[in-house]
Amino acid sequence: MLYLHIPFCKKACHYCDFHFSTSLQQQKPMVEALCTEIALQKDYLDTKILHSIYFGGGTPSLLTGDELQQIFDTIRQYFTIADDAEITLEANPDDLQLAKLQTLKAIGINRLSIGVQTFNDHYLQTMNRTHTAAEAIACVENTKLIGFNNFSIDLMYGFPAANHLNWQADIAQVLAFRPTHISTYCLTIEPKTALYHQVKTKQFVPASDNFAAEQYEILIEQLTTQDYQHYEISNFALPTFYARHNSNYWKKGKYLGIGASAHSYNGTTRQANIANNNLYIKAIRQGQIPAEIEVLTPAEHINEYILVNLRTTWGCNREWLATNYNYKFSEKLLAAYAQQGLMVYDSQTVYLTSKGRLLADKICSDFFVVL
């Protein structure tokens, strides 16, 4: 699996703490650096066949058709893209006019992840998004018109409000589009963001945890009754449309990350590129990979597996953990959580109920190996 990080945005969303720059002057040299890193990292994976390519960011939809073509030409120099590969590009609605959609499809993008977040203009302005509700609706309509039969819509919940009417309207609008995949995120106050400053200075009062939890429960009920499978805490998909890229992460598959701040994993070590565009480009031009390498201990492997897989519908494979790491779940703790309706388990599998997913981080940590 190949991931490419495109660290550019038109402007900063107030809640975002990802690595990006609002200056687009380095876009061309960054694309050249990405292509060079692909060549430098061509032997990182133990296969040359790619079943998933994912353009994340940042805002990958800012790339021009020529820049995307340059990246694809480089990928094909060193890898073989499988005929059935899932090739995803994250996009903002205001970037997806008909001409751009046609270009993306012609280049080989076959799946879009559209960052709608909400169809409420007030919330969009409050979060400093670059698009309007009307642009979001037009974008999705055009996506379907052009023939993208596989696309995901991002939705955000937990905006402060007197009731859940806006949230229910957002869900209804998404369901009317019938995307193959829906990713949902609770509005979170991250340190060093504009939203964090607004909360500290009392310019913004976030919704309560209980209010956000109620919206999460509304979401699950509405989507699952419309045949969407809740296959991971934040993700819903129609049957056979689970995101291949994310599923590979959750199943501890190997992946190569290209770009500033991108992460890679080869089954033994984890590699994290420097989160600085200037230093990244400079190092790549010198033929160096500006990355820190971390060798995971058995305890770290176990904890990561539990943390990630308990979030999914397939849960944790008890036999796999026992065979590979001699790890056994506490039967006493399993029984206690099952009695509370938070967990289901048998001799083969352990997974969380919908109720348990609201407390996933706490439950997972109780099963961690102490480092």
Protein backbone atom coordinates (compact mmCIF):
# COMPACT_ATOMS: atom_id res chain seq x y z
CA MET A 1 0.00 0.00 0.00
CA LEU A 2 1.27 3.47 -0.91
CA TYR A 3 0.34 6.71 0.86
CA LEU A 4 1.32 10.16 -0.42
CA HIS A 5 1.01 13.19 1.84
CA ILE A 6 0.21 16.46 0.08
CA PRO A 7 0.91 19.15 2.72
CA PHE A 8 -0.91 22.14 1.27
CA CYS A 9 -4.23 23.85 2.01
CA LYS A 10 -5.85 27.08 0.82
CA LYS A 11 -6.37 28.06 4.44
CA ALA A 12 -6.25 26.48 7.88
CA CYS A 13 -9.39 24.89 9.28
CA HIS A 14 -9.72 25.98 12.89
CA TYR A 15 -9.81 22.41 14.25
CA CYS A 16 -7.00 20.88 12.19
CA ASP A 17 -3.64 19.85 13.64
CA PHE A 18 -2.32 17.90 10.63
CA HIS A 19 0.91 18.93 8.92
CA PHE A 20 0.23 21.39 6.09
CA SER A 21 1.16 24.82 4.72
CA THR A 22 -1.10 27.52 3.31
CA SER A 23 1.71 28.76 1.08
CA LEU A 24 1.50 27.00 -2.29
CA GLN A 25 4.85 28.30 -3.57
CA GLN A 26 6.52 24.97 -2.79
CA GLN A 27 3.91 22.83 -4.51
CA LYS A 28 6.00 22.13 -7.62
CA PRO A 29 9.27 21.38 -5.76
CA MET A 30 7.28 19.23 -3.32
CA VAL A 31 5.88 17.13 -6.18
CA GLU A 32 9.42 16.69 -7.51
CA ALA A 33 10.56 15.63 -4.03
CA LEU A 34 7.71 13.13 -3.74
CA CYS A 35 8.75 11.58 -7.03
CA THR A 36 12.37 11.40 -5.91
CA GLU A 37 11.39 9.79 -2.62
CA ILE A 38 9.34 7.16 -4.45
CA ALA A 39 12.53 6.20 -6.28
CA LEU A 40 14.58 6.24 -3.07
CA GLN A 41 12.02 4.10 -1.23
CA LYS A 42 11.23 1.67 -4.05
CA ASP A 43 12.52 -1.33 -2.08
CA TYR A 44 10.86 -0.51 1.26
CA LEU A 45 7.95 -2.88 0.73
CA ASP A 46 8.42 -6.59 0.07
CA THR A 47 6.25 -6.38 -3.04
CA LYS A 48 6.16 -4.22 -6.17
CA ILE A 49 2.42 -4.67 -6.64
CA LEU A 50 0.20 -1.92 -5.24
CA HIS A 51 -3.40 -2.71 -4.36
CA SER A 52 -4.04 0.69 -2.78
CA ILE A 53 -2.77 4.21 -3.44
CA TYR A 54 -3.99 7.03 -1.24
CA PHE A 55 -3.42 10.76 -1.65
CA GLY A 56 -3.94 12.40 1.75
CA GLY A 57 -3.15 15.73 3.30
CA GLY A 58 -3.50 18.56 3.47
CA THR A 59 -5.63 18.98 0.39
CA PRO A 60 -4.48 16.70 -2.45
CA SER A 61 -7.18 18.12 -4.73
CA LEU A 62 -5.01 21.25 -5.01
CA LEU A 63 -2.62 19.31 -7.24
CA THR A 64 -2.93 20.03 -10.95
CA GLY A 65 -3.59 17.32 -13.48
CA ASP A 66 0.00 17.56 -14.72
CA GLU A 67 1.37 17.21 -11.18
CA LEU A 68 -0.76 14.15 -10.50
CA GLN A 69 0.28 12.65 -13.83
CA GLN A 70 3.94 13.23 -12.94
CA ILE A 71 3.44 11.32 -9.67
CA PHE A 72 1.62 8.45 -11.38
CA ASP A 73 4.31 8.18 -14.07
CA THR A 74 6.92 7.87 -11.31
CA ILE A 75 4.91 5.28 -9.40
CA ARG A 76 4.63 3.16 -12.53
CA GLN A 77 8.40 3.32 -13.02
CA TYR A 78 9.00 1.46 -9.79
CA PHE A 79 5.76 -0.36 -8.99
CA THR A 80 2.95 -2.23 -10.70
CA ILE A 81 -0.51 -0.90 -9.98
CA ALA A 82 -2.92 -3.83 -9.69
CA ASP A 83 -5.85 -3.82 -12.11
CA ASP A 84 -8.29 -3.66 -9.21
CA ALA A 85 -6.28 -1.16 -7.15
CA GLU A 86 -8.23 1.29 -5.03
CA ILE A 87 -6.82 4.75 -5.83
CA THR A 88 -8.19 7.41 -3.48
CA LEU A 89 -7.77 11.16 -3.46
CA GLU A 90 -8.94 13.36 -0.59
CA ALA A 91 -10.66 16.47 -1.90
CA ASN A 92 -12.35 19.65 -0.79
CA PRO A 93 -15.72 20.33 -2.46
CA ASP A 94 -14.65 23.70 -3.86
CA ASP A 95 -11.89 21.99 -5.87
CA LEU A 96 -14.15 19.48 -7.59
CA GLN A 97 -15.64 21.30 -10.55
CA LEU A 98 -16.67 19.17 -13.54
CA ALA A 99 -13.42 19.74 -15.44
CA LYS A 100 -11.30 18.74 -12.43
CA LEU A 101 -13.39 15.63 -11.85
CA GLN A 102 -12.95 14.61 -15.48
CA THR A 103 -9.18 15.10 -15.17
CA LEU A 104 -8.97 13.02 -12.00
CA LYS A 105 -10.93 10.19 -13.56
CA ALA A 106 -8.81 10.23 -16.73
CA ILE A 107 -5.58 10.08 -14.71
CA GLY A 108 -6.72 6.99 -12.83
CA ILE A 109 -8.27 8.17 -9.56
CA ASN A 110 -11.18 5.79 -8.94
CA ARG A 111 -12.25 6.77 -5.42
CA LEU A 112 -12.78 10.19 -3.85
CA SER A 113 -12.88 11.10 -0.16
CA ILE A 114 -14.80 14.36 -0.05
CA GLY A 115 -14.32 16.62 2.99
CA VAL A 116 -17.85 17.97 3.32
CA GLN A 117 -17.92 17.98 7.17
CA THR A 118 -21.36 19.65 7.27
CA PHE A 119 -23.99 21.16 4.98
CA ASN A 120 -24.57 24.01 7.43
CA ASP A 121 -23.03 27.29 6.23
CA HIS A 122 -22.77 28.74 9.74
CA TYR A 123 -20.69 25.80 10.96
CA LEU A 124 -18.57 25.84 7.80
CA GLN A 125 -17.73 29.52 8.36
CA THR A 126 -17.08 28.97 12.06
CA MET A 127 -14.57 26.21 11.25
CA ASN A 128 -12.95 28.33 8.49
CA ARG A 129 -13.74 25.84 5.73
CA THR A 130 -13.17 26.97 2.15
CA HIS A 131 -16.49 25.80 0.70
CA THR A 132 -20.19 26.51 1.15
CA ALA A 133 -23.06 24.08 1.58
CA ALA A 134 -24.19 24.78 -1.99
CA GLU A 135 -20.70 23.94 -3.30
CA ALA A 136 -20.70 20.70 -1.32
CA ILE A 137 -24.03 19.62 -2.78
CA ALA A 138 -22.99 20.54 -6.33
CA CYS A 139 -19.69 18.74 -5.87
CA VAL A 140 -21.31 15.45 -4.86
CA GLU A 141 -23.87 15.70 -7.65
CA ASN A 142 -21.06 16.25 -10.18
CA THR A 143 -19.04 13.40 -8.69
CA LYS A 144 -21.91 11.03 -9.42
CA LEU A 145 -22.54 12.59 -12.83
CA ILE A 146 -18.94 12.05 -13.96
CA GLY A 147 -19.17 8.39 -12.97
CA PHE A 148 -17.30 8.07 -9.67
CA ASN A 149 -19.22 5.09 -8.36
CA ASN A 150 -17.04 4.76 -5.28
CA PHE A 151 -16.78 7.83 -3.08
CA SER A 152 -16.73 8.66 0.60
CA ILE A 153 -18.16 11.69 2.40
CA ASP A 154 -16.65 13.07 5.61
CA LEU A 155 -19.07 14.33 8.23
CA MET A 156 -18.32 16.05 11.53
CA TYR A 157 -20.57 16.02 14.59
CA GLY A 158 -20.42 17.65 18.01
CA PHE A 159 -21.00 21.25 16.91
CA PRO A 160 -22.60 23.17 19.79
CA ALA A 161 -26.34 23.57 19.29
CA ALA A 162 -29.64 23.69 21.18
CA ASN A 163 -30.78 20.39 19.65
CA HIS A 164 -29.89 17.74 17.07
CA LEU A 165 -31.88 19.12 14.13
CA ASN A 166 -28.84 20.32 12.15
CA TRP A 167 -27.09 17.00 12.69
CA GLN A 168 -30.12 15.05 11.55
CA ALA A 169 -30.36 17.27 8.47
CA ASP A 170 -26.70 16.56 7.62
CA ILE A 171 -27.28 12.82 7.91
CA ALA A 172 -30.41 13.02 5.77
CA GLN A 173 -28.54 14.93 3.06
CA VAL A 174 -25.71 12.41 2.98
CA LEU A 175 -28.12 9.49 2.81
CA ALA A 176 -29.88 11.16 -0.11
CA PHE A 177 -26.57 11.00 -2.02
CA ARG A 178 -26.05 7.33 -1.10
CA PRO A 179 -22.22 7.35 -1.04
CA THR A 180 -20.50 4.00 -0.82
CA HIS A 181 -18.64 5.11 2.30
CA ILE A 182 -19.11 7.62 5.13
CA SER A 183 -16.42 8.71 7.59
CA THR A 184 -17.53 10.60 10.69
CA TYR A 185 -15.52 12.56 13.23
CA CYS A 186 -16.40 14.27 16.47
CA LEU A 187 -15.29 17.89 16.64
CA THR A 188 -12.24 17.72 18.89
CA ILE A 189 -10.33 20.59 20.46
CA GLU A 190 -6.69 19.89 19.59
CA PRO A 191 -3.82 21.84 21.19
CA LYS A 192 -2.10 24.51 19.08
CA THR A 193 -5.14 24.99 16.83
CA ALA A 194 -7.17 28.17 16.31
CA LEU A 195 -10.16 26.44 17.87
CA TYR A 196 -8.16 25.62 20.98
CA HIS A 197 -7.31 29.32 21.33
CA GLN A 198 -10.95 30.27 20.85
CA VAL A 199 -11.99 27.89 23.62
CA LYS A 200 -9.30 29.24 25.95
CA THR A 201 -10.39 32.82 25.31
CA LYS A 202 -14.09 31.86 25.63
CA GLN A 203 -14.85 32.80 22.03
CA PHE A 204 -16.11 29.26 21.41
CA VAL A 205 -18.01 27.01 23.80
CA PRO A 206 -17.80 23.35 22.72
CA ALA A 207 -20.67 20.91 23.02
CA SER A 208 -20.74 18.61 26.02
CA ASP A 209 -19.48 15.03 25.78
CA ASN A 210 -23.02 13.78 26.39
CA PHE A 211 -24.38 15.91 23.54
CA ALA A 212 -21.74 14.56 21.14
CA ALA A 213 -22.41 10.98 22.32
CA GLU A 214 -26.11 11.44 21.58
CA GLN A 215 -25.25 12.54 18.05
CA TYR A 216 -23.01 9.51 17.61
CA GLU A 217 -25.87 7.23 18.63
CA ILE A 218 -28.25 9.00 16.24
CA LEU A 219 -25.67 8.51 13.48
CA ILE A 220 -25.35 4.77 14.10
CA GLU A 221 -29.11 4.25 14.18
CA GLN A 222 -29.74 6.26 11.01
CA LEU A 223 -26.93 4.73 8.93
CA THR A 224 -27.26 1.11 9.97
CA THR A 225 -30.99 1.12 9.16
CA GLN A 226 -30.01 2.20 5.63
CA ASP A 227 -27.72 -0.84 5.08
CA TYR A 228 -24.44 0.88 6.00
CA GLN A 229 -22.15 -1.42 7.93
CA HIS A 230 -20.50 0.16 10.96
CA TYR A 231 -17.19 -1.58 10.38
CA GLU A 232 -14.99 0.79 12.43
CA ILE A 233 -15.75 3.35 15.13
CA SER A 234 -15.65 6.30 12.72
CA ASN A 235 -16.46 4.55 9.46
CA PHE A 236 -19.53 3.17 7.71
CA ALA A 237 -19.71 1.48 4.32
CA LEU A 238 -22.10 -0.30 2.03
CA PRO A 239 -21.25 -4.00 1.71
CA THR A 240 -17.94 -4.64 -0.13
CA PHE A 241 -16.95 -0.95 0.06
CA TYR A 242 -14.79 -0.95 3.19
CA ALA A 243 -11.89 1.47 2.65
CA ARG A 244 -8.94 -0.67 1.57
CA HIS A 245 -6.40 1.93 2.66
CA ASN A 246 -7.68 2.27 6.23
CA SER A 247 -8.44 -1.42 6.59
CA ASN A 248 -4.81 -2.19 5.81
CA TYR A 249 -3.74 0.07 8.68
CA TRP A 250 -6.17 -1.54 11.10
CA LYS A 251 -5.06 -5.05 10.15
CA LYS A 252 -1.39 -4.12 10.68
CA GLY A 253 -0.58 -4.43 6.99
CA LYS A 254 2.60 -2.97 5.57
CA TYR A 255 2.57 0.45 3.93
CA LEU A 256 4.93 3.03 2.47
CA GLY A 257 4.34 6.70 3.25
CA ILE A 258 5.79 9.33 0.94
CA GLY A 259 6.09 13.02 1.81
CA ALA A 260 6.72 15.33 4.75
CA SER A 261 5.22 13.87 7.95
CA ALA A 262 4.27 10.60 6.20
CA HIS A 263 4.61 7.34 8.14
CA SER A 264 5.69 3.90 6.92
CA TYR A 265 5.54 0.42 8.45
CA ASN A 266 7.32 -2.70 7.22
CA GLY A 267 6.06 -5.17 9.82
CA THR A 268 8.96 -4.61 12.21
CA THR A 269 9.84 -0.93 12.30
CA ARG A 270 7.90 2.27 11.92
CA GLN A 271 9.32 5.22 10.00
CA ALA A 272 8.17 8.85 10.31
CA ASN A 273 9.31 11.51 7.86
CA ILE A 274 10.13 14.95 9.21
CA ALA A 275 7.11 17.29 9.41
CA ASN A 276 8.81 20.27 7.81
CA ASN A 277 8.44 21.00 4.10
CA ASN A 278 11.72 22.90 3.66
CA LEU A 279 13.85 20.33 5.48
CA TYR A 280 12.06 17.46 3.76
CA ILE A 281 12.68 18.86 0.27
CA LYS A 282 16.30 19.70 1.09
CA ALA A 283 17.05 16.21 2.38
CA ILE A 284 15.35 14.45 -0.52
CA ARG A 285 17.36 16.53 -3.01
CA GLN A 286 20.49 15.24 -1.27
CA GLY A 287 19.29 11.66 -1.67
CA GLN A 288 18.44 11.22 2.01
CA ILE A 289 15.23 10.07 3.70
CA PRO A 290 14.63 12.54 6.57
CA ALA A 291 12.97 10.06 8.87
CA GLU A 292 13.11 8.68 12.38
CA ILE A 293 12.96 4.89 12.64
CA GLU A 294 11.32 3.21 15.61
CA VAL A 295 11.74 -0.49 16.37
CA LEU A 296 8.54 -1.69 18.01
CA THR A 297 8.77 -3.91 21.08
CA PRO A 298 6.47 -6.93 21.46
CA ALA A 299 4.43 -4.98 24.02
CA GLU A 300 4.01 -2.08 21.57
CA HIS A 301 2.89 -4.49 18.83
CA ILE A 302 0.31 -5.98 21.19
CA ASN A 303 -1.02 -2.62 22.38
CA GLU A 304 -1.29 -1.23 18.87
CA TYR A 305 -3.11 -4.33 17.68
CA ILE A 306 -5.62 -4.10 20.54
CA LEU A 307 -6.11 -0.34 20.15
CA VAL A 308 -6.75 -0.55 16.42
CA ASN A 309 -8.68 -3.80 16.08
CA LEU A 310 -11.07 -3.31 18.97
CA ARG A 311 -12.30 -0.29 17.00
CA THR A 312 -13.39 -2.57 14.13
CA THR A 313 -16.26 -4.93 13.50
CA TRP A 314 -13.87 -7.88 13.12
CA GLY A 315 -12.30 -7.25 16.52
CA CYS A 316 -9.18 -8.89 17.98
CA ASN A 317 -8.14 -12.39 16.99
CA ARG A 318 -7.28 -14.11 20.27
CA GLU A 319 -5.44 -16.98 18.62
CA TRP A 320 -3.27 -14.62 16.56
CA LEU A 321 -2.24 -12.70 19.68
CA ALA A 322 -1.50 -15.88 21.59
CA THR A 323 0.49 -17.45 18.75
CA ASN A 324 2.52 -14.39 17.79
CA TYR A 325 2.98 -12.66 21.14
CA ASN A 326 1.88 -15.14 23.81
CA TYR A 327 -0.78 -12.63 24.88
CA LYS A 328 -4.00 -13.64 26.61
CA PHE A 329 -6.92 -11.38 27.45
CA SER A 330 -7.94 -11.19 31.10
CA GLU A 331 -11.01 -13.43 31.35
CA LYS A 332 -12.16 -11.56 34.45
CA LEU A 333 -12.03 -8.21 32.65
CA LEU A 334 -13.72 -9.61 29.54
CA ALA A 335 -16.58 -10.95 31.64
CA ALA A 336 -16.97 -7.64 33.48
CA TYR A 337 -17.22 -5.62 30.27
CA ALA A 338 -19.54 -8.18 28.68
CA GLN A 339 -21.86 -7.98 31.69
CA GLN A 340 -22.05 -4.20 31.18
CA GLY A 341 -23.01 -4.70 27.53
CA LEU A 342 -19.78 -3.12 26.30
CA MET A 343 -18.06 -6.15 24.81
CA VAL A 344 -18.76 -9.47 23.13
CA TYR A 345 -16.27 -12.33 23.04
CA ASP A 346 -15.80 -16.03 22.45
CA SER A 347 -12.78 -18.35 22.24
CA GLN A 348 -11.68 -16.79 18.93
CA THR A 349 -12.65 -13.11 18.89
CA VAL A 350 -13.07 -10.06 21.12
CA TYR A 351 -14.92 -6.96 19.93
CA LEU A 352 -16.83 -3.99 21.26
CA THR A 353 -20.56 -3.40 21.08
CA SER A 354 -21.96 -0.09 19.80
CA LYS A 355 -22.24 0.99 23.42
CA GLY A 356 -18.68 -0.09 24.09
CA ARG A 357 -17.32 1.93 21.19
CA LEU A 358 -18.27 5.10 23.04
CA LEU A 359 -15.67 4.10 25.65
CA ALA A 360 -13.16 2.48 23.30
CA ASP A 361 -10.00 4.25 24.46
CA LYS A 362 -10.65 3.45 28.13
CA ILE A 363 -11.53 -0.19 27.45
CA CYS A 364 -8.53 -0.72 25.19
CA SER A 365 -6.14 0.74 27.74
CA ASP A 366 -7.36 -1.72 30.38
CA PHE A 367 -6.07 -4.59 28.20
CA PHE A 368 -2.72 -3.01 27.34
CA VAL A 369 0.58 -4.55 28.30
CA VAL A 370 2.36 -2.13 30.64
CA LEU A 371 5.37 -0.68 28.83
